[in-house]
């Protein structure tokens, strides 16, 4: 991941791996933002999340983010929060991320405090798994990530 990226329910691939974000200096955009959706599925996808062939029919809503793997990413010196999980833009986005895996990601932070994960709007959602993530450096902070979500 070069620079800043926003992954919303309709823009994230089923697997976001591997990527690297170095020295994020933009306070308005975090390295990775996992947003809540305003619909439980993408209208251009089946109930399983597979594309149904409606090419270029528009994406005027945000589908719930589900069944994705976010792994093997390196966040380096984010100078704040690296990953925001459950961000809600507007009141109608009530579908929280569901059944996603956030694993084997690494935060490197030497001198300026960097926070790997921050939950917004009542936490991480349903069925999401956080495991085998790693902190490296004296300024690396796990944030809202539970100890069980860290590498053994």
N, C-alpha and C. Protein backbone atom coordinates (compact mmCIF):
# COMPACT_ATOMS: atom_id res chain seq x y z
N UNK A 1 0.85 -1.15 0.00
CA UNK A 1 0.00 0.00 0.00
C UNK A 1 0.90 1.22 0.00
N UNK A 2 0.90 1.95 -1.04
CA UNK A 2 1.71 3.15 -1.10
C UNK A 2 0.85 4.34 -0.74
N UNK A 3 1.29 5.15 0.19
CA UNK A 3 0.52 6.32 0.59
C UNK A 3 -0.71 5.91 1.37
N UNK A 4 -1.82 6.57 1.10
CA UNK A 4 -3.05 6.33 1.83
C UNK A 4 -4.03 5.55 0.98
N UNK A 5 -4.78 4.67 1.60
CA UNK A 5 -5.79 3.91 0.88
C UNK A 5 -7.02 3.81 1.76
N UNK A 6 -8.17 3.90 1.14
CA UNK A 6 -9.42 3.69 1.86
C UNK A 6 -10.05 2.45 1.27
N UNK A 7 -10.26 1.45 2.10
CA UNK A 7 -10.94 0.24 1.66
C UNK A 7 -12.34 0.29 2.24
N UNK A 8 -13.33 0.42 1.39
CA UNK A 8 -14.71 0.35 1.86
C UNK A 8 -15.28 -0.97 1.39
N UNK A 9 -16.48 -1.22 1.78
CA UNK A 9 -17.08 -2.51 1.49
C UNK A 9 -17.12 -2.82 0.00
N UNK A 10 -17.28 -1.83 -0.84
CA UNK A 10 -17.36 -2.14 -2.27
C UNK A 10 -16.01 -2.05 -2.96
N UNK A 11 -15.00 -1.53 -2.27
CA UNK A 11 -13.71 -1.36 -2.93
C UNK A 11 -12.64 -2.33 -2.46
N UNK A 12 -12.85 -3.06 -1.40
CA UNK A 12 -11.82 -3.98 -0.91
C UNK A 12 -11.91 -5.31 -1.65
N UNK A 13 -10.79 -5.85 -1.97
CA UNK A 13 -10.76 -7.18 -2.57
C UNK A 13 -10.97 -8.21 -1.47
N UNK A 14 -11.23 -9.44 -1.83
CA UNK A 14 -11.41 -10.47 -0.82
C UNK A 14 -10.13 -10.74 -0.06
N UNK A 15 -9.01 -10.30 -0.58
CA UNK A 15 -7.77 -10.45 0.15
C UNK A 15 -6.91 -9.21 -0.08
N UNK A 16 -6.59 -8.51 0.98
CA UNK A 16 -5.70 -7.35 0.89
C UNK A 16 -4.35 -7.76 1.46
N UNK A 17 -3.46 -8.22 0.60
CA UNK A 17 -2.16 -8.72 1.04
C UNK A 17 -1.20 -8.74 -0.13
N UNK A 18 0.08 -8.64 0.05
CA UNK A 18 0.69 -7.87 1.12
C UNK A 18 0.81 -6.41 0.69
N UNK A 19 0.99 -5.53 1.61
CA UNK A 19 1.19 -4.14 1.29
C UNK A 19 2.02 -3.49 2.38
N UNK A 20 2.49 -2.30 2.08
CA UNK A 20 3.33 -1.58 3.02
C UNK A 20 2.96 -0.12 2.99
N UNK A 21 2.83 0.49 4.16
CA UNK A 21 2.54 1.91 4.25
C UNK A 21 3.60 2.54 5.14
N UNK A 22 4.35 3.49 4.61
CA UNK A 22 5.44 4.13 5.34
C UNK A 22 5.12 5.60 5.60
N UNK A 23 5.40 6.04 6.82
CA UNK A 23 5.38 7.46 7.18
C UNK A 23 4.13 8.20 6.73
N UNK A 24 2.97 7.75 7.20
CA UNK A 24 1.72 8.41 6.87
C UNK A 24 1.70 9.77 7.55
N UNK A 25 1.63 10.83 6.78
CA UNK A 25 1.64 12.19 7.33
C UNK A 25 0.30 12.89 7.16
N UNK A 26 -0.71 12.23 6.67
CA UNK A 26 -2.00 12.85 6.43
C UNK A 26 -2.94 12.53 7.59
N UNK A 27 -3.24 13.52 8.41
CA UNK A 27 -4.10 13.31 9.58
C UNK A 27 -5.55 13.02 9.20
N UNK A 28 -5.97 13.39 8.00
CA UNK A 28 -7.36 13.19 7.59
C UNK A 28 -7.61 11.80 7.00
N UNK A 29 -6.57 11.11 6.61
CA UNK A 29 -6.72 9.79 6.01
C UNK A 29 -5.78 8.82 6.69
N UNK A 30 -6.32 7.78 7.21
CA UNK A 30 -5.51 6.74 7.83
C UNK A 30 -5.04 5.77 6.75
N UNK A 31 -4.10 4.92 7.09
CA UNK A 31 -3.56 3.97 6.12
C UNK A 31 -4.62 3.02 5.60
N UNK A 32 -5.50 2.56 6.49
CA UNK A 32 -6.57 1.64 6.10
C UNK A 32 -7.81 1.99 6.89
N UNK A 33 -8.92 2.21 6.18
CA UNK A 33 -10.20 2.51 6.83
C UNK A 33 -11.21 1.46 6.40
N UNK A 34 -11.71 0.72 7.38
CA UNK A 34 -12.75 -0.29 7.14
C UNK A 34 -14.07 0.36 7.54
N UNK A 35 -14.89 0.66 6.56
CA UNK A 35 -16.13 1.37 6.83
C UNK A 35 -17.31 0.43 7.05
N UNK A 36 -18.33 0.96 7.72
CA UNK A 36 -19.61 0.27 7.82
C UNK A 36 -20.37 0.49 6.51
N UNK A 37 -21.23 -0.45 6.18
CA UNK A 37 -22.01 -0.33 4.95
C UNK A 37 -23.41 0.17 5.21
N UNK A 38 -24.08 0.62 4.15
CA UNK A 38 -25.48 1.01 4.29
C UNK A 38 -26.43 -0.05 3.71
N UNK A 39 -25.87 -1.14 3.20
CA UNK A 39 -26.64 -2.31 2.73
C UNK A 39 -25.87 -3.57 3.14
N UNK A 40 -26.58 -4.68 3.30
CA UNK A 40 -25.90 -5.90 3.74
C UNK A 40 -25.14 -6.61 2.63
N UNK A 41 -25.40 -6.26 1.36
CA UNK A 41 -24.63 -6.84 0.26
C UNK A 41 -24.60 -5.88 -0.92
N UNK A 42 -23.61 -6.09 -1.77
CA UNK A 42 -23.47 -5.31 -2.99
C UNK A 42 -24.54 -5.75 -3.98
N UNK A 43 -25.23 -4.82 -4.57
CA UNK A 43 -26.29 -5.20 -5.51
C UNK A 43 -25.75 -5.87 -6.77
N UNK A 44 -24.44 -5.76 -7.01
CA UNK A 44 -23.81 -6.40 -8.16
C UNK A 44 -23.15 -7.72 -7.79
N UNK A 45 -23.55 -8.30 -6.65
CA UNK A 45 -22.98 -9.56 -6.18
C UNK A 45 -24.08 -10.47 -5.66
N UNK A 46 -23.80 -11.77 -5.71
CA UNK A 46 -24.73 -12.74 -5.16
C UNK A 46 -24.70 -12.67 -3.64
N UNK A 47 -25.56 -13.42 -2.99
CA UNK A 47 -25.57 -13.43 -1.52
C UNK A 47 -24.26 -13.98 -0.94
N UNK A 48 -23.50 -14.74 -1.76
CA UNK A 48 -22.19 -15.24 -1.34
C UNK A 48 -21.08 -14.22 -1.57
N UNK A 49 -21.39 -13.11 -2.23
CA UNK A 49 -20.41 -12.08 -2.48
C UNK A 49 -19.72 -12.18 -3.83
N UNK A 50 -20.11 -13.17 -4.63
CA UNK A 50 -19.52 -13.33 -5.96
C UNK A 50 -20.16 -12.37 -6.95
N UNK A 51 -19.37 -11.80 -7.89
CA UNK A 51 -19.93 -10.91 -8.91
C UNK A 51 -21.00 -11.62 -9.73
N UNK A 52 -22.05 -10.90 -10.10
CA UNK A 52 -23.13 -11.52 -10.88
C UNK A 52 -23.22 -10.96 -12.30
N UNK A 53 -22.20 -10.27 -12.75
CA UNK A 53 -22.13 -9.91 -14.15
C UNK A 53 -22.78 -8.60 -14.55
N UNK A 54 -23.13 -7.76 -13.61
CA UNK A 54 -23.69 -6.46 -13.94
C UNK A 54 -22.57 -5.43 -14.04
N UNK A 55 -21.75 -5.57 -15.05
CA UNK A 55 -20.59 -4.71 -15.21
C UNK A 55 -21.03 -3.25 -15.38
N UNK A 56 -20.35 -2.39 -14.64
CA UNK A 56 -20.56 -0.94 -14.73
C UNK A 56 -21.99 -0.51 -14.47
N UNK A 57 -22.69 -1.23 -13.61
CA UNK A 57 -24.07 -0.81 -13.30
C UNK A 57 -24.13 0.15 -12.13
N UNK A 58 -22.98 0.56 -11.64
CA UNK A 58 -22.95 1.58 -10.61
C UNK A 58 -22.83 1.04 -9.20
N UNK A 59 -22.24 1.83 -8.39
CA UNK A 59 -22.09 1.51 -6.97
C UNK A 59 -22.49 2.75 -6.19
N UNK A 60 -23.77 2.95 -6.03
CA UNK A 60 -24.21 4.13 -5.32
C UNK A 60 -24.57 3.83 -3.86
N UNK A 61 -24.14 2.68 -3.39
CA UNK A 61 -24.26 2.38 -1.98
C UNK A 61 -23.02 1.63 -1.52
N UNK A 62 -22.89 1.50 -0.21
CA UNK A 62 -21.74 0.82 0.38
C UNK A 62 -22.21 -0.48 1.02
N UNK A 63 -21.76 -1.58 0.47
CA UNK A 63 -22.14 -2.89 0.99
C UNK A 63 -21.33 -3.21 2.24
N UNK A 64 -21.91 -4.04 3.09
CA UNK A 64 -21.24 -4.50 4.30
C UNK A 64 -19.97 -5.26 3.92
N UNK A 65 -18.90 -4.97 4.60
CA UNK A 65 -17.63 -5.66 4.38
C UNK A 65 -17.67 -7.00 5.10
N UNK A 66 -17.57 -8.10 4.33
CA UNK A 66 -17.62 -9.42 4.97
C UNK A 66 -16.81 -10.43 4.19
N UNK A 67 -16.32 -11.41 4.95
CA UNK A 67 -15.57 -12.55 4.40
C UNK A 67 -14.31 -12.14 3.65
N UNK A 68 -13.56 -11.21 4.21
CA UNK A 68 -12.30 -10.76 3.60
C UNK A 68 -11.12 -11.12 4.49
N UNK A 69 -9.95 -11.21 3.88
CA UNK A 69 -8.71 -11.45 4.61
C UNK A 69 -7.81 -10.24 4.41
N UNK A 70 -7.40 -9.66 5.51
CA UNK A 70 -6.46 -8.55 5.50
C UNK A 70 -5.25 -9.06 6.25
N UNK A 71 -4.19 -9.41 5.50
CA UNK A 71 -3.06 -10.05 6.14
C UNK A 71 -1.74 -9.69 5.47
N UNK A 72 -0.65 -9.89 6.25
CA UNK A 72 0.72 -9.68 5.79
C UNK A 72 1.00 -8.25 5.35
N UNK A 73 0.35 -7.29 5.99
CA UNK A 73 0.59 -5.88 5.70
C UNK A 73 1.57 -5.31 6.72
N UNK A 74 2.36 -4.35 6.31
CA UNK A 74 3.31 -3.68 7.21
C UNK A 74 2.94 -2.21 7.28
N UNK A 75 2.71 -1.74 8.49
CA UNK A 75 2.43 -0.32 8.74
C UNK A 75 3.64 0.22 9.48
N UNK A 76 4.26 1.25 8.94
CA UNK A 76 5.50 1.75 9.51
C UNK A 76 5.37 3.23 9.81
N UNK A 77 5.55 3.58 11.09
CA UNK A 77 5.52 4.98 11.54
C UNK A 77 4.28 5.71 11.05
N UNK A 78 3.11 5.23 11.45
CA UNK A 78 1.84 5.85 11.03
C UNK A 78 1.64 7.23 11.66
N UNK A 79 2.30 7.49 12.76
CA UNK A 79 2.18 8.77 13.47
C UNK A 79 0.72 9.05 13.84
N UNK A 80 0.12 8.08 14.47
CA UNK A 80 -1.29 8.13 14.84
C UNK A 80 -1.88 6.75 14.64
N UNK A 81 -3.13 6.69 14.28
CA UNK A 81 -3.81 5.42 14.06
C UNK A 81 -3.54 4.92 12.64
N UNK A 82 -3.17 3.64 12.54
CA UNK A 82 -2.91 3.04 11.22
C UNK A 82 -4.20 2.52 10.59
N UNK A 83 -4.98 1.73 11.34
CA UNK A 83 -6.18 1.09 10.81
C UNK A 83 -7.39 1.51 11.65
N UNK A 84 -8.38 2.08 10.99
CA UNK A 84 -9.65 2.43 11.63
C UNK A 84 -10.68 1.41 11.18
N UNK A 85 -11.32 0.74 12.13
CA UNK A 85 -12.24 -0.37 11.85
C UNK A 85 -13.65 0.01 12.30
N UNK A 86 -14.61 0.00 11.38
CA UNK A 86 -16.00 0.29 11.73
C UNK A 86 -16.37 1.75 11.60
N UNK A 87 -15.62 2.50 10.80
CA UNK A 87 -15.91 3.90 10.58
C UNK A 87 -17.28 4.04 9.94
N UNK A 88 -18.05 5.00 10.39
CA UNK A 88 -19.39 5.22 9.85
C UNK A 88 -19.49 6.65 9.34
N UNK A 89 -19.68 6.80 8.06
CA UNK A 89 -19.83 8.12 7.45
C UNK A 89 -21.32 8.33 7.22
N UNK A 90 -21.96 9.05 8.12
CA UNK A 90 -23.40 9.25 8.03
C UNK A 90 -24.15 8.25 8.89
N UNK A 91 -25.39 8.58 9.21
CA UNK A 91 -26.19 7.76 10.12
C UNK A 91 -26.74 6.49 9.51
N UNK A 92 -26.79 6.40 8.18
CA UNK A 92 -27.43 5.24 7.56
C UNK A 92 -26.49 4.05 7.38
N UNK A 93 -25.25 4.17 7.78
CA UNK A 93 -24.30 3.05 7.62
C UNK A 93 -24.27 2.20 8.90
N UNK A 94 -25.20 1.30 9.01
CA UNK A 94 -25.34 0.51 10.23
C UNK A 94 -24.81 -0.92 10.11
N UNK A 95 -24.39 -1.35 8.92
CA UNK A 95 -23.91 -2.71 8.72
C UNK A 95 -22.41 -2.78 9.00
N UNK A 96 -22.07 -3.28 10.18
CA UNK A 96 -20.68 -3.35 10.61
C UNK A 96 -19.93 -4.47 9.89
N UNK A 97 -18.61 -4.35 9.79
CA UNK A 97 -17.81 -5.42 9.18
C UNK A 97 -18.10 -6.76 9.87
N UNK A 98 -18.16 -7.83 9.06
CA UNK A 98 -18.58 -9.13 9.59
C UNK A 98 -17.74 -10.25 8.97
N UNK A 99 -17.31 -11.17 9.82
CA UNK A 99 -16.62 -12.40 9.38
C UNK A 99 -15.36 -12.13 8.55
N UNK A 100 -14.59 -11.13 8.93
CA UNK A 100 -13.33 -10.81 8.27
C UNK A 100 -12.17 -11.29 9.12
N UNK A 101 -11.00 -11.48 8.50
CA UNK A 101 -9.79 -11.86 9.22
C UNK A 101 -8.75 -10.75 9.06
N UNK A 102 -8.20 -10.34 10.19
CA UNK A 102 -7.11 -9.36 10.23
C UNK A 102 -5.96 -10.07 10.92
N UNK A 103 -5.00 -10.55 10.12
CA UNK A 103 -3.96 -11.38 10.73
C UNK A 103 -2.61 -11.17 10.06
N UNK A 104 -1.58 -11.49 10.82
CA UNK A 104 -0.19 -11.43 10.37
C UNK A 104 0.20 -10.05 9.84
N UNK A 105 -0.40 -9.01 10.41
CA UNK A 105 -0.04 -7.65 10.05
C UNK A 105 0.99 -7.16 11.06
N UNK A 106 1.84 -6.23 10.64
CA UNK A 106 2.93 -5.79 11.50
C UNK A 106 2.97 -4.27 11.56
N UNK A 107 3.12 -3.76 12.79
CA UNK A 107 3.32 -2.33 12.99
C UNK A 107 4.75 -2.11 13.46
N UNK A 108 5.47 -1.25 12.73
CA UNK A 108 6.82 -0.85 13.11
C UNK A 108 6.77 0.63 13.50
N UNK A 109 7.19 0.94 14.70
CA UNK A 109 7.18 2.34 15.14
C UNK A 109 8.33 2.56 16.11
N UNK A 110 9.28 3.39 15.70
CA UNK A 110 10.47 3.62 16.50
C UNK A 110 10.39 4.81 17.43
N UNK A 111 10.10 5.99 16.89
CA UNK A 111 10.18 7.19 17.73
C UNK A 111 8.85 7.88 17.96
N UNK A 112 7.93 7.85 16.97
CA UNK A 112 6.64 8.49 17.15
C UNK A 112 5.56 7.44 17.36
N UNK A 113 4.70 7.68 18.36
CA UNK A 113 3.65 6.71 18.69
C UNK A 113 2.77 6.44 17.48
N UNK A 114 2.58 5.15 17.19
CA UNK A 114 1.70 4.68 16.14
C UNK A 114 0.79 3.62 16.73
N UNK A 115 -0.50 3.69 16.41
CA UNK A 115 -1.50 2.77 16.95
C UNK A 115 -1.98 1.87 15.81
N UNK A 116 -1.88 0.56 16.00
CA UNK A 116 -2.25 -0.37 14.94
C UNK A 116 -3.73 -0.32 14.60
N UNK A 117 -4.61 -0.40 15.61
CA UNK A 117 -6.03 -0.59 15.34
C UNK A 117 -6.89 0.24 16.29
N UNK A 118 -7.87 0.91 15.71
CA UNK A 118 -8.85 1.66 16.50
C UNK A 118 -10.25 1.26 16.05
N UNK A 119 -11.08 0.80 17.00
CA UNK A 119 -12.46 0.47 16.68
C UNK A 119 -13.33 1.72 16.82
N UNK A 120 -14.22 1.91 15.88
CA UNK A 120 -15.21 2.99 15.92
C UNK A 120 -16.59 2.37 16.01
N UNK A 121 -17.55 3.12 16.53
CA UNK A 121 -18.96 2.73 16.52
C UNK A 121 -19.21 1.36 17.13
N UNK A 122 -18.82 1.20 18.36
CA UNK A 122 -19.10 0.00 19.17
C UNK A 122 -18.34 -1.23 18.74
N UNK A 123 -17.13 -1.07 18.35
CA UNK A 123 -16.25 -2.22 18.19
C UNK A 123 -16.15 -2.80 16.81
N UNK A 124 -15.65 -4.03 16.78
CA UNK A 124 -15.24 -4.66 15.54
C UNK A 124 -16.29 -5.36 14.73
N UNK A 125 -17.54 -5.41 15.18
CA UNK A 125 -18.56 -6.13 14.41
C UNK A 125 -18.62 -7.59 14.81
N UNK A 126 -19.34 -8.38 14.04
CA UNK A 126 -19.59 -9.79 14.37
C UNK A 126 -18.67 -10.73 13.63
N UNK A 127 -18.12 -11.70 14.35
CA UNK A 127 -17.38 -12.79 13.74
C UNK A 127 -16.03 -12.43 13.14
N UNK A 128 -15.54 -11.23 13.38
CA UNK A 128 -14.23 -10.85 12.86
C UNK A 128 -13.15 -11.50 13.70
N UNK A 129 -12.07 -11.92 13.06
CA UNK A 129 -10.98 -12.59 13.76
C UNK A 129 -9.71 -11.75 13.63
N UNK A 130 -9.06 -11.56 14.75
CA UNK A 130 -7.82 -10.79 14.81
C UNK A 130 -6.77 -11.70 15.45
N UNK A 131 -5.73 -12.06 14.68
CA UNK A 131 -4.74 -12.98 15.25
C UNK A 131 -3.37 -12.81 14.58
N UNK A 132 -2.35 -13.19 15.33
CA UNK A 132 -0.97 -13.25 14.85
C UNK A 132 -0.45 -11.92 14.29
N UNK A 133 -0.90 -10.82 14.87
CA UNK A 133 -0.39 -9.51 14.48
C UNK A 133 0.80 -9.16 15.35
N UNK A 134 1.69 -8.31 14.88
CA UNK A 134 2.97 -8.09 15.55
C UNK A 134 3.26 -6.61 15.75
N UNK A 135 3.78 -6.29 16.92
CA UNK A 135 4.24 -4.94 17.25
C UNK A 135 5.77 -4.96 17.27
N UNK A 136 6.39 -3.95 16.66
CA UNK A 136 7.85 -3.87 16.61
C UNK A 136 8.27 -2.43 16.86
N UNK A 137 8.97 -2.21 17.96
CA UNK A 137 9.47 -0.87 18.27
C UNK A 137 8.85 -0.31 19.53
N UNK A 138 9.56 0.62 20.14
CA UNK A 138 9.13 1.18 21.42
C UNK A 138 7.89 2.06 21.31
N UNK A 139 7.59 2.59 20.13
CA UNK A 139 6.43 3.47 19.96
C UNK A 139 5.23 2.75 19.34
N UNK A 140 5.32 1.43 19.17
CA UNK A 140 4.22 0.65 18.58
C UNK A 140 3.18 0.32 19.65
N UNK A 141 1.94 0.70 19.40
CA UNK A 141 0.83 0.53 20.33
C UNK A 141 -0.26 -0.30 19.64
N UNK A 142 -0.75 -1.34 20.30
CA UNK A 142 -1.77 -2.20 19.68
C UNK A 142 -3.13 -1.52 19.63
N UNK A 143 -3.34 -0.47 20.42
CA UNK A 143 -4.62 0.24 20.42
C UNK A 143 -5.73 -0.65 20.93
N UNK A 144 -6.81 -0.78 20.16
CA UNK A 144 -7.98 -1.57 20.56
C UNK A 144 -7.84 -3.06 20.29
N UNK A 145 -6.75 -3.46 19.71
CA UNK A 145 -6.51 -4.87 19.43
C UNK A 145 -6.25 -5.61 20.74
N UNK A 146 -7.04 -6.63 21.02
CA UNK A 146 -6.84 -7.40 22.24
C UNK A 146 -5.53 -8.18 22.17
N UNK A 147 -4.99 -8.53 23.33
CA UNK A 147 -3.74 -9.32 23.36
C UNK A 147 -3.87 -10.62 22.57
N UNK A 148 -5.08 -11.19 22.55
CA UNK A 148 -5.28 -12.44 21.82
C UNK A 148 -5.10 -12.25 20.31
N UNK A 149 -5.13 -11.02 19.84
CA UNK A 149 -4.92 -10.74 18.43
C UNK A 149 -3.47 -10.54 18.05
N UNK A 150 -2.60 -10.72 19.04
CA UNK A 150 -1.16 -10.57 18.80
C UNK A 150 -0.49 -11.91 18.59
N UNK A 151 0.67 -11.84 18.02
CA UNK A 151 1.49 -13.02 17.80
C UNK A 151 1.87 -13.64 19.14
N UNK A 152 1.88 -14.96 19.21
CA UNK A 152 2.27 -15.66 20.44
C UNK A 152 3.75 -15.50 20.73
